[in-house]
Amino acid sequence: MCLSYPGKIIKISKDLATIDYTSEKRKAKLISKKFKIGDYVIVQGKIVIEKVDKKSAEKWLEMIHSGKA
């Protein structure tokens, strides 16, 4: 089982996004043009699959970093 949590797109180059997870940055393929810099997204198998609204993403990240998740 995998646990995915939101990261923030900080860079887009063609069909590749750089995702910031605070502790690290990773690259993931964009298969849709609906994503933009600043979006919080979920990545599965190195592919951006879903956009998460900012408020939900920040709440989730706060729980993870506080150890309450």
PDB file of N, CA and C in Angstrom:
ATOM      1  N   MET A   1       0.842  -1.178   0.000  1.00  0.00           N
ATOM      2  CA  MET A   1       0.000   0.000   0.000  1.00  0.00           C
ATOM      3  C   MET A   1       0.883   1.236   0.000  1.00  0.00           C
ATOM      4  N   CYS A   2       0.475   2.221  -0.798  1.00  0.00           N
ATOM      5  CA  CYS A   2       1.216   3.476  -0.873  1.00  0.00           C
ATOM      6  C   CYS A   2       0.392   4.605  -0.269  1.00  0.00           C
ATOM      7  N   LEU A   3       1.068   5.529   0.346  1.00  0.00           N
ATOM      8  CA  LEU A   3       0.420   6.721   0.867  1.00  0.00           C
ATOM      9  C   LEU A   3       0.880   7.896   0.028  1.00  0.00           C
ATOM     10  N   SER A   4      -0.045   8.580  -0.585  1.00  0.00           N
ATOM     11  CA  SER A   4       0.280   9.767  -1.372  1.00  0.00           C
ATOM     12  C   SER A   4      -0.235  10.985  -0.630  1.00  0.00           C
ATOM     13  N   TYR A   5       0.576  12.011  -0.592  1.00  0.00           N
ATOM     14  CA  TYR A   5       0.097  13.250  -0.007  1.00  0.00           C
ATOM     15  C   TYR A   5       0.450  14.399  -0.936  1.00  0.00           C
ATOM     16  N   PRO A   6      -0.248  15.521  -0.790  1.00  0.00           N
ATOM     17  CA  PRO A   6      -0.100  16.598  -1.760  1.00  0.00           C
ATOM     18  C   PRO A   6       1.260  17.279  -1.722  1.00  0.00           C
ATOM     19  N   GLY A   7       1.669  17.677  -2.913  1.00  0.00           N
ATOM     20  CA  GLY A   7       2.857  18.495  -3.085  1.00  0.00           C
ATOM     21  C   GLY A   7       2.473  19.669  -3.965  1.00  0.00           C
ATOM     22  N   LYS A   8       3.312  20.680  -3.988  1.00  0.00           N
ATOM     23  CA  LYS A   8       3.017  21.905  -4.730  1.00  0.00           C
ATOM     24  C   LYS A   8       3.874  21.963  -5.996  1.00  0.00           C
ATOM     25  N   ILE A   9       3.237  22.216  -7.134  1.00  0.00           N
ATOM     26  CA  ILE A   9       3.979  22.372  -8.381  1.00  0.00           C
ATOM     27  C   ILE A   9       4.746  23.694  -8.322  1.00  0.00           C
ATOM     28  N   ILE A  10       6.073  23.612  -8.472  1.00  0.00           N
ATOM     29  CA  ILE A  10       6.886  24.826  -8.430  1.00  0.00           C
ATOM     30  C   ILE A  10       7.530  25.153  -9.775  1.00  0.00           C
ATOM     31  N   LYS A  11       7.484  24.190 -10.705  1.00  0.00           N
ATOM     32  CA  LYS A  11       8.079  24.423 -12.015  1.00  0.00           C
ATOM     33  C   LYS A  11       7.435  23.466 -13.019  1.00  0.00           C
ATOM     34  N   ILE A  12       7.221  23.981 -14.235  1.00  0.00           N
ATOM     35  CA  ILE A  12       6.726  23.144 -15.321  1.00  0.00           C
ATOM     36  C   ILE A  12       7.621  23.370 -16.526  1.00  0.00           C
ATOM     37  N   SER A  13       8.108  22.279 -17.094  1.00  0.00           N
ATOM     38  CA  SER A  13       8.927  22.325 -18.292  1.00  0.00           C
ATOM     39  C   SER A  13       8.381  21.280 -19.267  1.00  0.00           C
ATOM     40  N   LYS A  14       7.705  21.770 -20.306  1.00  0.00           N
ATOM     41  CA  LYS A  14       7.014  20.908 -21.274  1.00  0.00           C
ATOM     42  C   LYS A  14       5.988  20.054 -20.544  1.00  0.00           C
ATOM     43  N   ASP A  15       6.174  18.745 -20.480  1.00  0.00           N
ATOM     44  CA  ASP A  15       5.195  17.882 -19.807  1.00  0.00           C
ATOM     45  C   ASP A  15       5.738  17.312 -18.496  1.00  0.00           C
ATOM     46  N   LEU A  16       6.691  18.010 -17.902  1.00  0.00           N
ATOM     47  CA  LEU A  16       7.298  17.562 -16.656  1.00  0.00           C
ATOM     48  C   LEU A  16       7.158  18.655 -15.585  1.00  0.00           C
ATOM     49  N   ALA A  17       6.612  18.271 -14.445  1.00  0.00           N
ATOM     50  CA  ALA A  17       6.430  19.206 -13.332  1.00  0.00           C
ATOM     51  C   ALA A  17       7.404  18.866 -12.216  1.00  0.00           C
ATOM     52  N   THR A  18       7.915  19.891 -11.549  1.00  0.00           N
ATOM     53  CA  THR A  18       8.702  19.704 -10.339  1.00  0.00           C
ATOM     54  C   THR A  18       7.765  19.949  -9.168  1.00  0.00           C
ATOM     55  N   ILE A  19       7.663  18.949  -8.302  1.00  0.00           N
ATOM     56  CA  ILE A  19       6.745  18.992  -7.169  1.00  0.00           C
ATOM     57  C   ILE A  19       7.547  19.165  -5.889  1.00  0.00           C
ATOM     58  N   ASP A  20       7.156  20.159  -5.078  1.00  0.00           N
ATOM     59  CA  ASP A  20       7.826  20.435  -3.805  1.00  0.00           C
ATOM     60  C   ASP A  20       7.037  19.785  -2.672  1.00  0.00           C
ATOM     61  N   TYR A  21       7.693  18.872  -1.969  1.00  0.00           N
ATOM     62  CA  TYR A  21       7.091  18.195  -0.820  1.00  0.00           C
ATOM     63  C   TYR A  21       7.680  18.691   0.501  1.00  0.00           C
ATOM     64  N   THR A  22       8.256  19.857   0.510  1.00  0.00           N
ATOM     65  CA  THR A  22       8.914  20.482   1.657  1.00  0.00           C
ATOM     66  C   THR A  22      10.237  19.803   1.976  1.00  0.00           C
ATOM     67  N   SER A  23      10.214  18.494   2.227  1.00  0.00           N
ATOM     68  CA  SER A  23      11.444  17.785   2.580  1.00  0.00           C
ATOM     69  C   SER A  23      12.248  17.380   1.350  1.00  0.00           C
ATOM     70  N   GLU A  24      11.597  17.360   0.189  1.00  0.00           N
ATOM     71  CA  GLU A  24      12.281  17.004  -1.053  1.00  0.00           C
ATOM     72  C   GLU A  24      11.481  17.498  -2.250  1.00  0.00           C
ATOM     73  N   LYS A  25      12.131  17.510  -3.390  1.00  0.00           N
ATOM     74  CA  LYS A  25      11.489  17.876  -4.647  1.00  0.00           C
ATOM     75  C   LYS A  25      11.595  16.689  -5.593  1.00  0.00           C
ATOM     76  N   ARG A  26      10.504  16.419  -6.316  1.00  0.00           N
ATOM     77  CA  ARG A  26      10.481  15.316  -7.271  1.00  0.00           C
ATOM     78  C   ARG A  26       9.867  15.785  -8.575  1.00  0.00           C
ATOM     79  N   LYS A  27      10.164  15.063  -9.642  1.00  0.00           N
ATOM     80  CA  LYS A  27       9.600  15.364 -10.951  1.00  0.00           C
ATOM     81  C   LYS A  27       8.516  14.349 -11.280  1.00  0.00           C
ATOM     82  N   ALA A  28       7.467  14.834 -11.957  1.00  0.00           N
ATOM     83  CA  ALA A  28       6.365  13.963 -12.354  1.00  0.00           C
ATOM     84  C   ALA A  28       5.824  14.423 -13.699  1.00  0.00           C
ATOM     85  N   LYS A  29       5.331  13.472 -14.460  1.00  0.00           N
ATOM     86  CA  LYS A  29       4.814  13.754 -15.794  1.00  0.00           C
ATOM     87  C   LYS A  29       3.406  14.349 -15.708  1.00  0.00           C
ATOM     88  N   LEU A  30       3.175  15.370 -16.535  1.00  0.00           N
ATOM     89  CA  LEU A  30       1.849  15.967 -16.661  1.00  0.00           C
ATOM     90  C   LEU A  30       1.166  15.352 -17.880  1.00  0.00           C
ATOM     91  N   ILE A  31       0.007  14.757 -17.687  1.00  0.00           N
ATOM     92  CA  ILE A  31      -0.721  14.185 -18.812  1.00  0.00           C
ATOM     93  C   ILE A  31      -1.906  15.059 -19.204  1.00  0.00           C
ATOM     94  N   SER A  32      -2.040  16.196 -18.540  1.00  0.00           N
ATOM     95  CA  SER A  32      -3.112  17.142 -18.821  1.00  0.00           C
ATOM     96  C   SER A  32      -2.563  18.559 -18.676  1.00  0.00           C
ATOM     97  N   LYS A  33      -3.120  19.473 -19.433  1.00  0.00           N
ATOM     98  CA  LYS A  33      -2.688  20.871 -19.347  1.00  0.00           C
ATOM     99  C   LYS A  33      -3.481  21.651 -18.305  1.00  0.00           C
ATOM    100  N   LYS A  34      -4.296  20.961 -17.502  1.00  0.00           N
ATOM    101  CA  LYS A  34      -5.118  21.657 -16.511  1.00  0.00           C
ATOM    102  C   LYS A  34      -4.344  22.044 -15.253  1.00  0.00           C
ATOM    103  N   PHE A  35      -3.109  21.586 -15.122  1.00  0.00           N
ATOM    104  CA  PHE A  35      -2.301  21.881 -13.938  1.00  0.00           C
ATOM    105  C   PHE A  35      -1.396  23.071 -14.205  1.00  0.00           C
ATOM    106  N   LYS A  36      -1.153  23.873 -13.152  1.00  0.00           N
ATOM    107  CA  LYS A  36      -0.289  25.040 -13.301  1.00  0.00           C
ATOM    108  C   LYS A  36       0.587  25.210 -12.066  1.00  0.00           C
ATOM    109  N   ILE A  37       1.582  26.070 -12.189  1.00  0.00           N
ATOM    110  CA  ILE A  37       2.469  26.361 -11.059  1.00  0.00           C
ATOM    111  C   ILE A  37       1.625  26.902  -9.904  1.00  0.00           C
ATOM    112  N   GLY A  38       1.899  26.379  -8.708  1.00  0.00           N
ATOM    113  CA  GLY A  38       1.160  26.785  -7.517  1.00  0.00           C
ATOM    114  C   GLY A  38       0.070  25.806  -7.121  1.00  0.00           C
ATOM    115  N   ASP A  39      -0.317  24.914  -8.028  1.00  0.00           N
ATOM    116  CA  ASP A  39      -1.338  23.908  -7.720  1.00  0.00           C
ATOM    117  C   ASP A  39      -0.775  22.860  -6.771  1.00  0.00           C
ATOM    118  N   TYR A  40      -1.614  22.411  -5.854  1.00  0.00           N
ATOM    119  CA  TYR A  40      -1.290  21.256  -5.018  1.00  0.00           C
ATOM    120  C   TYR A  40      -1.844  20.035  -5.724  1.00  0.00           C
ATOM    121  N   VAL A  41      -1.023  18.999  -5.827  1.00  0.00           N
ATOM    122  CA  VAL A  41      -1.409  17.827  -6.607  1.00  0.00           C
ATOM    123  C   VAL A  41      -1.020  16.537  -5.894  1.00  0.00           C
ATOM    124  N   ILE A  42      -1.652  15.458  -6.353  1.00  0.00           N
ATOM    125  CA  ILE A  42      -1.312  14.108  -5.918  1.00  0.00           C
ATOM    126  C   ILE A  42      -0.609  13.427  -7.095  1.00  0.00           C
ATOM    127  N   VAL A  43       0.495  12.756  -6.799  1.00  0.00           N
ATOM    128  CA  VAL A  43       1.274  12.051  -7.820  1.00  0.00           C
ATOM    129  C   VAL A  43       1.225  10.561  -7.511  1.00  0.00           C
ATOM    130  N   GLN A  44       0.994   9.776  -8.547  1.00  0.00           N
ATOM    131  CA  GLN A  44       0.996   8.321  -8.401  1.00  0.00           C
ATOM    132  C   GLN A  44       1.798   7.744  -9.558  1.00  0.00           C
ATOM    133  N   GLY A  45       2.801   6.951  -9.267  1.00  0.00           N
ATOM    134  CA  GLY A  45       3.619   6.350 -10.314  1.00  0.00           C
ATOM    135  C   GLY A  45       4.327   7.378 -11.181  1.00  0.00           C
ATOM    136  N   LYS A  46       4.774   8.475 -10.573  1.00  0.00           N
ATOM    137  CA  LYS A  46       5.478   9.569 -11.255  1.00  0.00           C
ATOM    138  C   LYS A  46       4.613  10.282 -12.292  1.00  0.00           C
ATOM    139  N   ILE A  47       3.276  10.228 -12.111  1.00  0.00           N
ATOM    140  CA  ILE A  47       2.334  10.941 -12.971  1.00  0.00           C
ATOM    141  C   ILE A  47       1.421  11.787 -12.081  1.00  0.00           C
ATOM    142  N   VAL A  48       1.253  13.054 -12.443  1.00  0.00           N
ATOM    143  CA  VAL A  48       0.334  13.926 -11.710  1.00  0.00           C
ATOM    144  C   VAL A  48      -1.080  13.480 -12.068  1.00  0.00           C
ATOM    145  N   ILE A  49      -1.839  13.036 -11.059  1.00  0.00           N
ATOM    146  CA  ILE A  49      -3.158  12.464 -11.347  1.00  0.00           C
ATOM    147  C   ILE A  49      -4.328  13.300 -10.854  1.00  0.00           C
ATOM    148  N   GLU A  50      -4.090  14.180  -9.865  1.00  0.00           N
ATOM    149  CA  GLU A  50      -5.227  14.881  -9.281  1.00  0.00           C
ATOM    150  C   GLU A  50      -4.795  16.208  -8.668  1.00  0.00           C
ATOM    151  N   LYS A  51      -5.651  17.202  -8.831  1.00  0.00           N
ATOM    152  CA  LYS A  51      -5.441  18.498  -8.182  1.00  0.00           C
ATOM    153  C   LYS A  51      -6.203  18.490  -6.852  1.00  0.00           C
ATOM    154  N   VAL A  52      -5.590  19.062  -5.819  1.00  0.00           N
ATOM    155  CA  VAL A  52      -6.193  19.147  -4.495  1.00  0.00           C
ATOM    156  C   VAL A  52      -6.362  20.626  -4.170  1.00  0.00           C
ATOM    157  N   ASP A  53      -7.543  20.997  -3.639  1.00  0.00           N
ATOM    158  CA  ASP A  53      -7.719  22.409  -3.324  1.00  0.00           C
ATOM    159  C   ASP A  53      -6.743  22.825  -2.227  1.00  0.00           C
ATOM    160  N   LYS A  54      -6.318  24.074  -2.286  1.00  0.00           N
ATOM    161  CA  LYS A  54      -5.250  24.592  -1.428  1.00  0.00           C
ATOM    162  C   LYS A  54      -5.555  24.403   0.062  1.00  0.00           C
ATOM    163  N   LYS A  55      -6.766  24.707   0.478  1.00  0.00           N
ATOM    164  CA  LYS A  55      -7.113  24.603   1.897  1.00  0.00           C
ATOM    165  C   LYS A  55      -6.987  23.171   2.410  1.00  0.00           C
ATOM    166  N   SER A  56      -7.496  22.209   1.637  1.00  0.00           N
ATOM    167  CA  SER A  56      -7.398  20.799   2.032  1.00  0.00           C
ATOM    168  C   SER A  56      -5.944  20.332   2.062  1.00  0.00           C
ATOM    169  N   ALA A  57      -5.173  20.738   1.044  1.00  0.00           N
ATOM    170  CA  ALA A  57      -3.766  20.342   0.976  1.00  0.00           C
ATOM    171  C   ALA A  57      -2.990  20.878   2.171  1.00  0.00           C
ATOM    172  N   GLU A  58      -3.188  22.146   2.493  1.00  0.00           N
ATOM    173  CA  GLU A  58      -2.463  22.740   3.619  1.00  0.00           C
ATOM    174  C   GLU A  58      -2.851  22.094   4.943  1.00  0.00           C
ATOM    175  N   LYS A  59      -4.125  21.750   5.101  1.00  0.00           N
ATOM    176  CA  LYS A  59      -4.573  21.082   6.329  1.00  0.00           C
ATOM    177  C   LYS A  59      -3.920  19.693   6.445  1.00  0.00           C
ATOM    178  N   TRP A  60      -3.917  18.946   5.342  1.00  0.00           N
ATOM    179  CA  TRP A  60      -3.306  17.616   5.310  1.00  0.00           C
ATOM    180  C   TRP A  60      -1.812  17.696   5.629  1.00  0.00           C
ATOM    181  N   LEU A  61      -1.099  18.652   4.997  1.00  0.00           N
ATOM    182  CA  LEU A  61       0.337  18.802   5.231  1.00  0.00           C
ATOM    183  C   LEU A  61       0.621  19.208   6.669  1.00  0.00           C
ATOM    184  N   GLU A  62      -0.235  20.039   7.241  1.00  0.00           N
ATOM    185  CA  GLU A  62      -0.060  20.446   8.647  1.00  0.00           C
ATOM    186  C   GLU A  62      -0.173  19.227   9.566  1.00  0.00           C
ATOM    187  N   MET A  63      -1.119  18.352   9.299  1.00  0.00           N
ATOM    188  CA  MET A  63      -1.272  17.144  10.104  1.00  0.00           C
ATOM    189  C   MET A  63      -0.066  16.236   9.968  1.00  0.00           C
ATOM    190  N   ILE A  64       0.448  16.077   8.746  1.00  0.00           N
ATOM    191  CA  ILE A  64       1.620  15.227   8.519  1.00  0.00           C
ATOM    192  C   ILE A  64       2.833  15.754   9.263  1.00  0.00           C
ATOM    193  N   HIS A  65       3.069  17.050   9.148  1.00  0.00           N
ATOM    194  CA  HIS A  65       4.270  17.636   9.762  1.00  0.00           C
ATOM    195  C   HIS A  65       4.152  17.754  11.280  1.00  0.00           C
ATOM    196  N   SER A  66       2.927  17.751  11.814  1.00  0.00           N
ATOM    197  CA  SER A  66       2.767  17.832  13.260  1.00  0.00           C
ATOM    198  C   SER A  66       2.761  16.441  13.907  1.00  0.00           C
ATOM    199  N   GLY A  67       2.724  15.390  13.076  1.00  0.00           N
ATOM    200  CA  GLY A  67       2.714  14.023  13.587  1.00  0.00           C
ATOM    201  C   GLY A  67       1.343  13.535  13.999  1.00  0.00           C
ATOM    202  N   LYS A  68       0.284  14.256  13.608  1.00  0.00           N
ATOM    203  CA  LYS A  68      -1.079  13.878  13.975  1.00  0.00           C
ATOM    204  C   LYS A  68      -1.795  13.088  12.899  1.00  0.00           C
ATOM    205  N   ALA A  69      -1.124  12.794  11.797  1.00  0.00           N
ATOM    206  CA  ALA A  69      -1.778  12.058  10.694  1.00  0.00           C
ATOM    207  C   ALA A  69      -1.709  10.576  10.944  1.00  0.00           C
TER     208      ALA A  69
END
